[in-house]
């Protein structure tokens, strides 16, 4: 597994961690209409990050190289940044 795949996995894991913390922050609001939407949105993004982890490991084991892992690094980085911003919003 090359360095690009490792970075992809770390960013997807970081995204999942931020989303778990976001869900924890939105948990008290889950009985309100807006809270239900926030929890649902965070849950969908968490499922996405877990699927990213699974697919990244699978693709790395299949031998896909930097031509696949490189562009995914940008997507992973943006996902981690977006989840970090969502977490920052959830703290207020």
N, C-alpha and C. Protein backbone atom coordinates (compact mmCIF):
# COMPACT_ATOMS: atom_id res chain seq x y z
N UNK A 1 0.86 -1.18 0.00
CA UNK A 1 0.00 0.00 0.00
C UNK A 1 0.90 1.24 0.00
N UNK A 2 0.66 2.08 -0.97
CA UNK A 2 1.51 3.26 -1.15
C UNK A 2 1.12 4.41 -0.25
N UNK A 3 1.94 5.45 -0.26
CA UNK A 3 1.68 6.61 0.61
C UNK A 3 0.39 7.35 0.28
N UNK A 4 0.00 7.35 -1.00
CA UNK A 4 -1.25 8.03 -1.35
C UNK A 4 -2.45 7.31 -0.76
N UNK A 5 -2.42 5.97 -0.79
CA UNK A 5 -3.52 5.21 -0.19
C UNK A 5 -3.57 5.40 1.31
N UNK A 6 -2.40 5.45 1.93
CA UNK A 6 -2.36 5.65 3.39
C UNK A 6 -2.95 7.02 3.74
N UNK A 7 -2.59 8.04 2.98
CA UNK A 7 -3.16 9.38 3.21
C UNK A 7 -4.67 9.38 2.98
N UNK A 8 -5.11 8.71 1.92
CA UNK A 8 -6.54 8.60 1.66
C UNK A 8 -7.26 7.96 2.84
N UNK A 9 -6.71 6.89 3.35
CA UNK A 9 -7.32 6.19 4.49
C UNK A 9 -7.33 7.06 5.74
N UNK A 10 -6.25 7.76 5.98
CA UNK A 10 -6.19 8.63 7.16
C UNK A 10 -7.20 9.76 7.07
N UNK A 11 -7.34 10.33 5.89
CA UNK A 11 -8.31 11.43 5.73
C UNK A 11 -9.75 10.91 5.86
N UNK A 12 -10.03 9.73 5.31
CA UNK A 12 -11.38 9.15 5.46
C UNK A 12 -11.66 8.82 6.92
N UNK A 13 -10.64 8.33 7.63
CA UNK A 13 -10.81 8.05 9.06
C UNK A 13 -11.02 9.33 9.85
N UNK A 14 -10.28 10.37 9.52
CA UNK A 14 -10.45 11.66 10.18
C UNK A 14 -11.86 12.20 9.93
N UNK A 15 -12.34 12.03 8.71
CA UNK A 15 -13.70 12.46 8.39
C UNK A 15 -14.71 11.71 9.24
N UNK A 16 -14.53 10.40 9.39
CA UNK A 16 -15.45 9.60 10.21
C UNK A 16 -15.42 10.05 11.67
N UNK A 17 -14.25 10.35 12.17
CA UNK A 17 -14.13 10.80 13.57
C UNK A 17 -14.86 12.12 13.78
N UNK A 18 -14.65 13.07 12.86
CA UNK A 18 -15.36 14.35 12.98
C UNK A 18 -16.88 14.14 12.92
N UNK A 19 -17.33 13.23 12.08
CA UNK A 19 -18.77 13.01 11.96
C UNK A 19 -19.35 12.31 13.18
N UNK A 20 -18.60 11.44 13.80
CA UNK A 20 -19.05 10.82 15.05
C UNK A 20 -19.18 11.89 16.14
N UNK A 21 -18.22 12.80 16.20
CA UNK A 21 -18.30 13.88 17.18
C UNK A 21 -19.46 14.82 16.86
N UNK A 22 -19.73 15.03 15.57
CA UNK A 22 -20.86 15.86 15.17
C UNK A 22 -22.17 15.22 15.59
N UNK A 23 -22.29 13.92 15.37
CA UNK A 23 -23.50 13.20 15.80
C UNK A 23 -23.69 13.30 17.30
N UNK A 24 -22.61 13.23 18.04
CA UNK A 24 -22.70 13.36 19.49
C UNK A 24 -23.23 14.74 19.87
N UNK A 25 -22.77 15.77 19.16
CA UNK A 25 -23.24 17.13 19.46
C UNK A 25 -24.70 17.33 19.07
N UNK A 26 -25.14 16.70 17.99
CA UNK A 26 -26.52 16.85 17.54
C UNK A 26 -27.48 15.91 18.26
N UNK A 27 -26.97 14.97 19.00
CA UNK A 27 -27.81 13.97 19.66
C UNK A 27 -28.91 14.57 20.54
N UNK A 28 -28.64 15.60 21.34
CA UNK A 28 -29.72 16.17 22.16
C UNK A 28 -30.85 16.80 21.33
N UNK A 29 -30.59 17.13 20.08
CA UNK A 29 -31.59 17.77 19.23
C UNK A 29 -32.39 16.79 18.39
N UNK A 30 -32.13 15.49 18.55
CA UNK A 30 -32.71 14.51 17.64
C UNK A 30 -34.24 14.40 17.69
N UNK A 31 -34.87 14.99 18.69
CA UNK A 31 -36.33 14.95 18.78
C UNK A 31 -37.00 16.16 18.14
N UNK A 32 -36.22 17.09 17.64
CA UNK A 32 -36.78 18.26 16.96
C UNK A 32 -36.72 18.03 15.45
N UNK A 33 -37.56 18.72 14.69
CA UNK A 33 -37.52 18.53 13.23
C UNK A 33 -36.17 18.86 12.61
N UNK A 34 -35.57 19.96 13.01
CA UNK A 34 -34.27 20.33 12.47
C UNK A 34 -33.20 19.35 12.96
N UNK A 35 -33.29 18.95 14.22
CA UNK A 35 -32.33 17.99 14.77
C UNK A 35 -32.36 16.66 14.04
N UNK A 36 -33.54 16.22 13.66
CA UNK A 36 -33.65 14.96 12.90
C UNK A 36 -32.93 15.08 11.57
N UNK A 37 -33.08 16.21 10.92
CA UNK A 37 -32.39 16.42 9.64
C UNK A 37 -30.87 16.50 9.82
N UNK A 38 -30.44 17.16 10.88
CA UNK A 38 -29.00 17.26 11.15
C UNK A 38 -28.40 15.89 11.45
N UNK A 39 -29.10 15.10 12.25
CA UNK A 39 -28.63 13.75 12.58
C UNK A 39 -28.63 12.88 11.33
N UNK A 40 -29.68 12.99 10.52
CA UNK A 40 -29.74 12.19 9.29
C UNK A 40 -28.62 12.57 8.32
N UNK A 41 -28.38 13.86 8.16
CA UNK A 41 -27.32 14.31 7.26
C UNK A 41 -25.96 13.84 7.75
N UNK A 42 -25.70 13.99 9.03
CA UNK A 42 -24.41 13.53 9.58
C UNK A 42 -24.27 12.03 9.46
N UNK A 43 -25.36 11.30 9.63
CA UNK A 43 -25.32 9.83 9.51
C UNK A 43 -25.02 9.40 8.08
N UNK A 44 -25.61 10.10 7.13
CA UNK A 44 -25.35 9.78 5.72
C UNK A 44 -23.88 10.01 5.39
N UNK A 45 -23.34 11.14 5.84
CA UNK A 45 -21.93 11.42 5.59
C UNK A 45 -21.01 10.43 6.33
N UNK A 46 -21.42 9.98 7.51
CA UNK A 46 -20.64 8.98 8.23
C UNK A 46 -20.64 7.66 7.46
N UNK A 47 -21.79 7.25 6.95
CA UNK A 47 -21.86 6.03 6.14
C UNK A 47 -20.96 6.17 4.90
N UNK A 48 -20.95 7.34 4.31
CA UNK A 48 -20.10 7.58 3.15
C UNK A 48 -18.63 7.42 3.51
N UNK A 49 -18.21 7.97 4.64
CA UNK A 49 -16.80 7.88 5.01
C UNK A 49 -16.40 6.44 5.35
N UNK A 50 -17.31 5.69 5.94
CA UNK A 50 -17.01 4.27 6.22
C UNK A 50 -16.89 3.50 4.91
N UNK A 51 -17.79 3.77 3.96
CA UNK A 51 -17.69 3.12 2.66
C UNK A 51 -16.40 3.51 1.94
N UNK A 52 -15.99 4.76 2.10
CA UNK A 52 -14.72 5.19 1.51
C UNK A 52 -13.57 4.37 2.06
N UNK A 53 -13.57 4.15 3.37
CA UNK A 53 -12.51 3.33 3.98
C UNK A 53 -12.49 1.94 3.37
N UNK A 54 -13.66 1.33 3.25
CA UNK A 54 -13.75 -0.03 2.71
C UNK A 54 -13.26 -0.08 1.26
N UNK A 55 -13.75 0.85 0.44
CA UNK A 55 -13.35 0.87 -0.97
C UNK A 55 -11.87 1.18 -1.13
N UNK A 56 -11.34 2.09 -0.34
CA UNK A 56 -9.93 2.44 -0.46
C UNK A 56 -9.04 1.23 -0.16
N UNK A 57 -9.37 0.50 0.90
CA UNK A 57 -8.59 -0.70 1.22
C UNK A 57 -8.69 -1.71 0.08
N UNK A 58 -9.91 -1.90 -0.43
CA UNK A 58 -10.13 -2.85 -1.52
C UNK A 58 -9.33 -2.46 -2.76
N UNK A 59 -9.38 -1.19 -3.14
CA UNK A 59 -8.67 -0.75 -4.33
C UNK A 59 -7.16 -0.80 -4.14
N UNK A 60 -6.70 -0.50 -2.94
CA UNK A 60 -5.26 -0.58 -2.67
C UNK A 60 -4.79 -2.03 -2.76
N UNK A 61 -5.59 -2.96 -2.23
CA UNK A 61 -5.22 -4.37 -2.31
C UNK A 61 -5.25 -4.90 -3.73
N UNK A 62 -6.10 -4.33 -4.57
CA UNK A 62 -6.16 -4.75 -5.98
C UNK A 62 -5.00 -4.19 -6.79
N UNK A 63 -4.23 -3.30 -6.19
CA UNK A 63 -3.04 -2.80 -6.85
C UNK A 63 -3.22 -1.52 -7.64
N UNK A 64 -4.35 -0.84 -7.45
CA UNK A 64 -4.50 0.44 -8.14
C UNK A 64 -3.43 1.41 -7.63
N UNK A 65 -2.87 2.16 -8.54
CA UNK A 65 -1.73 3.00 -8.17
C UNK A 65 -2.14 4.46 -7.98
N UNK A 66 -1.16 5.33 -8.11
CA UNK A 66 -1.34 6.75 -7.84
C UNK A 66 -2.33 7.40 -8.83
N UNK A 67 -2.54 6.78 -9.99
CA UNK A 67 -3.50 7.34 -10.94
C UNK A 67 -4.93 7.30 -10.39
N UNK A 68 -5.18 6.39 -9.47
CA UNK A 68 -6.49 6.32 -8.82
C UNK A 68 -6.43 7.01 -7.45
N UNK A 69 -5.39 6.70 -6.69
CA UNK A 69 -5.28 7.22 -5.33
C UNK A 69 -5.04 8.73 -5.29
N UNK A 70 -4.35 9.27 -6.28
CA UNK A 70 -4.05 10.70 -6.30
C UNK A 70 -5.29 11.57 -6.36
N UNK A 71 -6.15 11.38 -7.38
CA UNK A 71 -7.38 12.19 -7.42
C UNK A 71 -8.29 11.97 -6.22
N UNK A 72 -8.31 10.74 -5.71
CA UNK A 72 -9.13 10.47 -4.54
C UNK A 72 -8.61 11.21 -3.30
N UNK A 73 -7.33 11.53 -3.32
CA UNK A 73 -6.75 12.29 -2.21
C UNK A 73 -7.39 13.67 -2.10
N UNK A 74 -7.67 14.29 -3.21
CA UNK A 74 -8.35 15.58 -3.21
C UNK A 74 -9.77 15.44 -2.67
N UNK A 75 -10.48 14.42 -3.11
CA UNK A 75 -11.84 14.19 -2.64
C UNK A 75 -11.83 13.89 -1.14
N UNK A 76 -10.89 13.08 -0.68
CA UNK A 76 -10.79 12.75 0.74
C UNK A 76 -10.47 13.97 1.58
N UNK A 77 -9.57 14.80 1.07
CA UNK A 77 -9.21 16.01 1.79
C UNK A 77 -10.38 16.97 1.92
N UNK A 78 -11.13 17.13 0.83
CA UNK A 78 -12.30 18.01 0.88
C UNK A 78 -13.38 17.44 1.81
N UNK A 79 -13.53 16.12 1.83
CA UNK A 79 -14.49 15.50 2.74
C UNK A 79 -14.10 15.70 4.19
N UNK A 80 -12.81 15.56 4.48
CA UNK A 80 -12.34 15.78 5.85
C UNK A 80 -12.52 17.24 6.26
N UNK A 81 -12.23 18.15 5.35
CA UNK A 81 -12.41 19.58 5.63
C UNK A 81 -13.89 19.90 5.86
N UNK A 82 -14.75 19.37 5.02
CA UNK A 82 -16.19 19.61 5.17
C UNK A 82 -16.73 19.05 6.47
N UNK A 83 -16.27 17.87 6.85
CA UNK A 83 -16.74 17.29 8.11
C UNK A 83 -16.20 18.06 9.31
N UNK A 84 -14.99 18.59 9.18
CA UNK A 84 -14.44 19.42 10.27
C UNK A 84 -15.25 20.71 10.42
N UNK A 85 -15.66 21.29 9.30
CA UNK A 85 -16.50 22.49 9.37
C UNK A 85 -17.87 22.18 9.95
N UNK A 86 -18.45 21.05 9.56
CA UNK A 86 -19.73 20.63 10.12
C UNK A 86 -19.62 20.42 11.63
N UNK A 87 -18.51 19.84 12.06
CA UNK A 87 -18.29 19.66 13.49
C UNK A 87 -18.17 21.01 14.19
N UNK A 88 -17.44 21.94 13.58
CA UNK A 88 -17.28 23.27 14.18
C UNK A 88 -18.64 23.95 14.33
N UNK A 89 -19.50 23.80 13.33
CA UNK A 89 -20.84 24.38 13.41
C UNK A 89 -21.64 23.72 14.52
N UNK A 90 -21.49 22.42 14.67
CA UNK A 90 -22.28 21.67 15.66
C UNK A 90 -21.92 22.02 17.10
N UNK A 91 -20.77 22.64 17.29
CA UNK A 91 -20.35 22.99 18.65
C UNK A 91 -21.10 24.19 19.20
N UNK A 92 -21.80 24.95 18.35
CA UNK A 92 -22.51 26.15 18.81
C UNK A 92 -23.94 25.86 19.12
